[in-house]
Amino acid sequence: MTTLMEHRSVDAVLLDMDGTILNSIKAAERVWGEWALRHGLDVDAFLPTVHGVQSVETIRRLGLPGVDPVAEAALVTQAEIDAVEGIEAIEGAAAFLAALADCRWAVVTSAPRRLARRRIRAAGLPAPPLLIAAEDVERGKPAPDCFHLAAERLGTRADRCLVIEDSVAGIMAAERAGASILVVAATHHRPMETRHPVIIDYRGLGAVPDSGGAVRIGPMG
């Protein structure tokens, strides 16, 4: 695991949501655990597979007979919208997002839009100026489409952006998009093997506007 990145100037910052700016693990695993039990799955083995990818893909890859992935994903999403107890902002995330107020930034998530907005509000975080959600791309993470789309809508390219992520699928998507990457390990149970800089949370991470509309990210002080 590498240490905090050096100061870097980028056109925009693209942040994942779950596990990156907020911790929704308890809420998500409560809903998914109940779903897994209803379908006779090994809950402990199943739960680690639900993070970082779209719900419909999580269900589709199980290949459960007689189960419509789209319909089931819609039911799971509604249950998650209704169950936001325990969702909390990652330490320092609110201050970091506030520092980005005059810069280009977006939340880029595998969650559906309604769920993303609900969780961001529940965590007490500011609404992003741009939200790229599951409905916005045909191929979700680990495909790079979401980061390309976010960068395009912010008037730049993904390879001129910093992606802040926590999951393997999200990191892979950012790599494929050619972006710079910073990994947040706040919700990791064990160190992740990665060649990218890693932070535990946002305390000590600064963001200041740079020349030409860019933003400089790095340690404060």
Protein backbone atom coordinates (compact mmCIF):
# COMPACT_ATOMS: atom_id res chain seq x y z
CA MET A 1 0.00 0.00 0.00
CA THR A 2 1.41 3.36 -1.03
CA THR A 3 1.13 6.58 0.92
CA LEU A 4 -0.70 9.82 0.29
CA MET A 5 -0.23 11.33 -3.15
CA GLU A 6 1.96 14.35 -3.76
CA HIS A 7 0.30 17.60 -4.77
CA ARG A 8 -1.29 17.20 -8.18
CA SER A 9 -3.19 19.61 -10.43
CA VAL A 10 -6.14 18.13 -12.34
CA ASP A 11 -9.06 19.52 -14.31
CA ALA A 12 -11.69 17.83 -12.13
CA VAL A 13 -12.25 15.40 -9.28
CA LEU A 14 -14.53 12.39 -9.82
CA LEU A 15 -15.57 10.65 -6.61
CA ASP A 16 -17.26 7.31 -6.12
CA MET A 17 -19.97 7.33 -3.45
CA ASP A 18 -20.32 4.17 -1.34
CA GLY A 19 -17.13 3.53 0.63
CA THR A 20 -15.52 6.65 -0.81
CA ILE A 21 -17.40 9.68 0.52
CA LEU A 22 -19.84 7.81 2.77
CA ASN A 23 -20.11 4.50 4.58
CA SER A 24 -23.31 2.63 3.71
CA ILE A 25 -22.04 -0.87 4.40
CA LYS A 26 -24.34 -1.58 7.34
CA ALA A 27 -27.45 -0.40 5.50
CA ALA A 28 -26.54 -2.13 2.23
CA GLU A 29 -25.56 -5.42 3.81
CA ARG A 30 -28.72 -5.45 5.92
CA VAL A 31 -30.86 -5.22 2.77
CA TRP A 32 -28.74 -7.56 0.67
CA GLY A 33 -28.43 -10.05 3.52
CA GLU A 34 -32.21 -10.33 3.78
CA TRP A 35 -32.43 -10.71 -0.02
CA ALA A 36 -29.78 -13.44 -0.02
CA LEU A 37 -31.57 -15.38 2.71
CA ARG A 38 -34.82 -15.31 0.73
CA HIS A 39 -33.00 -16.82 -2.23
CA GLY A 40 -31.16 -19.48 -0.26
CA LEU A 41 -27.69 -18.01 -0.71
CA ASP A 42 -24.71 -18.23 1.62
CA VAL A 43 -24.94 -14.72 3.06
CA ASP A 44 -21.33 -14.49 4.26
CA ALA A 45 -20.00 -15.56 0.88
CA PHE A 46 -22.42 -13.38 -1.08
CA LEU A 47 -22.18 -10.01 0.69
CA PRO A 48 -18.58 -9.19 -0.37
CA THR A 49 -19.70 -9.42 -4.02
CA VAL A 50 -22.29 -6.63 -3.87
CA HIS A 51 -19.95 -3.64 -3.51
CA GLY A 52 -18.82 -1.41 -6.36
CA VAL A 53 -21.04 -2.77 -9.15
CA GLN A 54 -24.61 -2.20 -10.25
CA SER A 55 -27.26 -4.19 -8.37
CA VAL A 56 -28.66 -5.66 -11.57
CA GLU A 57 -25.21 -7.04 -12.47
CA THR A 58 -24.80 -8.50 -8.97
CA ILE A 59 -28.05 -10.42 -9.41
CA ARG A 60 -27.54 -11.27 -13.08
CA ARG A 61 -24.21 -12.99 -12.56
CA LEU A 62 -25.79 -15.35 -10.01
CA GLY A 63 -27.89 -16.92 -12.76
CA LEU A 64 -30.72 -17.80 -10.36
CA PRO A 65 -33.49 -19.74 -12.13
CA GLY A 66 -36.78 -17.88 -12.39
CA VAL A 67 -35.30 -14.62 -11.11
CA ASP A 68 -35.66 -11.46 -13.22
CA PRO A 69 -32.50 -9.41 -12.45
CA VAL A 70 -34.08 -6.09 -13.44
CA ALA A 71 -37.19 -6.59 -11.32
CA GLU A 72 -35.20 -7.89 -8.34
CA ALA A 73 -32.70 -5.02 -8.57
CA ALA A 74 -35.60 -2.55 -8.48
CA LEU A 75 -36.92 -4.18 -5.31
CA VAL A 76 -33.49 -4.10 -3.69
CA THR A 77 -33.01 -0.45 -4.64
CA GLN A 78 -36.32 0.54 -3.07
CA ALA A 79 -35.44 -1.36 0.09
CA GLU A 80 -32.10 0.46 0.22
CA ILE A 81 -33.83 3.83 -0.25
CA ASP A 82 -36.10 2.98 2.67
CA ALA A 83 -33.22 1.81 4.91
CA VAL A 84 -30.62 4.55 5.35
CA GLU A 85 -30.08 4.14 9.09
CA GLY A 86 -26.40 4.07 9.96
CA ILE A 87 -25.15 5.82 6.82
CA GLU A 88 -22.33 8.20 7.73
CA ALA A 89 -19.92 10.45 5.89
CA ILE A 90 -16.31 9.30 5.68
CA GLU A 91 -14.25 11.35 8.13
CA GLY A 92 -13.29 14.69 6.58
CA ALA A 93 -15.35 14.15 3.40
CA ALA A 94 -17.72 17.07 4.06
CA ALA A 95 -14.86 19.53 4.46
CA PHE A 96 -13.07 18.18 1.40
CA LEU A 97 -16.20 18.50 -0.77
CA ALA A 98 -16.73 22.02 0.57
CA ALA A 99 -13.20 22.87 -0.57
CA LEU A 100 -14.18 21.71 -4.07
CA ALA A 101 -17.11 24.14 -4.21
CA ASP A 102 -15.47 26.45 -6.77
CA CYS A 103 -13.93 23.57 -8.75
CA ARG A 104 -15.20 20.96 -11.18
CA TRP A 105 -16.23 17.77 -9.44
CA ALA A 106 -18.77 14.97 -9.68
CA VAL A 107 -19.99 11.89 -7.88
CA VAL A 108 -19.76 8.83 -10.14
CA THR A 109 -21.56 5.85 -8.66
CA SER A 110 -22.90 2.41 -9.58
CA ALA A 111 -26.00 3.16 -7.50
CA PRO A 112 -29.27 4.27 -9.10
CA ARG A 113 -29.83 8.03 -9.00
CA ARG A 114 -32.64 8.01 -6.41
CA LEU A 115 -30.60 5.85 -4.05
CA ALA A 116 -27.47 7.95 -4.53
CA ARG A 117 -29.30 11.18 -3.72
CA ARG A 118 -30.93 9.59 -0.68
CA ARG A 119 -27.64 8.32 0.72
CA ILE A 120 -25.80 11.59 0.11
CA ARG A 121 -28.53 13.46 1.99
CA ALA A 122 -28.55 10.87 4.79
CA ALA A 123 -24.81 11.32 5.22
CA GLY A 124 -25.20 15.10 5.46
CA LEU A 125 -23.01 15.73 2.42
CA PRO A 126 -23.54 18.46 -0.20
CA ALA A 127 -25.35 17.55 -3.39
CA PRO A 128 -22.77 17.23 -6.18
CA PRO A 129 -22.92 19.64 -9.13
CA LEU A 130 -22.91 16.54 -11.36
CA LEU A 131 -24.10 13.04 -10.49
CA ILE A 132 -23.38 10.14 -12.82
CA ALA A 133 -25.48 7.16 -11.72
CA ALA A 134 -26.28 3.65 -12.89
CA GLU A 135 -28.93 4.83 -15.36
CA ASP A 136 -26.48 7.07 -17.22
CA VAL A 137 -24.30 4.36 -18.75
CA GLU A 138 -25.00 1.09 -20.51
CA ARG A 139 -21.90 -0.56 -19.05
CA GLY A 140 -21.17 -0.07 -15.36
CA LYS A 141 -17.88 -0.36 -13.50
CA PRO A 142 -15.37 -1.93 -14.14
CA ALA A 143 -16.05 -0.48 -17.61
CA PRO A 144 -14.67 3.08 -17.87
CA ASP A 145 -17.79 4.60 -19.44
CA CYS A 146 -19.01 6.41 -16.31
CA PHE A 147 -15.74 8.28 -15.83
CA HIS A 148 -15.51 9.22 -19.51
CA LEU A 149 -19.07 10.56 -19.35
CA ALA A 150 -18.46 12.54 -16.16
CA ALA A 151 -15.31 14.11 -17.57
CA GLU A 152 -17.06 14.99 -20.83
CA ARG A 153 -19.94 16.68 -19.02
CA LEU A 154 -17.43 18.66 -16.97
CA GLY A 155 -15.75 19.84 -20.15
CA THR A 156 -12.56 17.77 -19.98
CA ARG A 157 -11.16 14.25 -20.44
CA ALA A 158 -10.87 11.44 -17.93
CA ASP A 159 -7.09 11.37 -18.27
CA ARG A 160 -7.04 14.94 -16.93
CA CYS A 161 -9.09 14.02 -13.85
CA LEU A 162 -8.44 12.55 -10.42
CA VAL A 163 -10.72 9.63 -9.56
CA ILE A 164 -11.21 8.87 -5.87
CA GLU A 165 -12.37 5.28 -5.36
CA ASP A 166 -12.47 2.45 -2.85
CA SER A 167 -13.47 -0.71 -4.74
CA VAL A 168 -11.62 -3.02 -7.10
CA ALA A 169 -14.25 -2.52 -9.81
CA GLY A 170 -14.08 1.25 -9.49
CA ILE A 171 -10.30 1.36 -9.54
CA MET A 172 -10.26 -0.85 -12.63
CA ALA A 173 -12.75 1.46 -14.35
CA ALA A 174 -10.62 4.51 -13.53
CA GLU A 175 -7.48 2.79 -14.78
CA ARG A 176 -9.20 1.93 -18.05
CA ALA A 177 -10.30 5.56 -18.36
CA GLY A 178 -6.69 6.70 -17.97
CA ALA A 179 -7.41 8.80 -14.88
CA SER A 180 -5.17 9.50 -11.91
CA ILE A 181 -6.40 7.54 -8.91
CA LEU A 182 -6.52 8.02 -5.15
CA VAL A 183 -7.82 5.12 -3.05
CA VAL A 184 -9.84 5.63 0.14
CA ALA A 185 -9.42 2.77 2.60
CA ALA A 186 -11.84 3.87 5.34
CA THR A 187 -14.11 0.84 4.90
CA HIS A 188 -11.45 -1.73 4.01
CA HIS A 189 -11.11 -4.62 6.45
CA ARG A 190 -7.59 -5.38 5.24
CA PRO A 191 -4.96 -3.45 3.22
CA MET A 192 -5.63 -3.41 -0.52
CA GLU A 193 -2.81 -4.31 -2.86
CA THR A 194 -2.64 -1.34 -5.20
CA ARG A 195 -0.03 0.74 -6.97
CA HIS A 196 -2.08 3.90 -6.35
CA PRO A 197 -1.78 6.31 -3.42
CA VAL A 198 -4.01 5.40 -0.46
CA ILE A 199 -5.59 7.49 2.28
CA ILE A 200 -7.59 6.27 5.25
CA ASP A 201 -9.96 9.27 5.15
CA TYR A 202 -9.97 12.92 4.05
CA ARG A 203 -8.39 14.46 7.12
CA GLY A 204 -5.22 16.19 5.96
CA LEU A 205 -6.25 16.23 2.29
CA GLY A 206 -6.63 19.64 0.71
CA ALA A 207 -8.18 21.02 -2.47
CA VAL A 208 -7.46 24.50 -3.78
CA PRO A 209 -8.34 26.12 -7.12
CA ASP A 210 -5.42 26.24 -9.54
CA SER A 211 -4.80 28.26 -12.69
CA GLY A 212 -6.95 27.71 -15.76
CA GLY A 213 -9.88 26.32 -13.82
CA ALA A 214 -7.94 23.35 -12.49
CA VAL A 215 -7.80 22.13 -8.90
CA ARG A 216 -4.74 21.16 -6.91
CA ILE A 217 -5.14 18.16 -4.61
CA GLY A 218 -2.68 17.11 -1.95
CA PRO A 219 -1.70 17.13 1.73
CA MET A 220 -2.56 20.28 3.66
CA GLY A 221 0.18 22.20 5.32
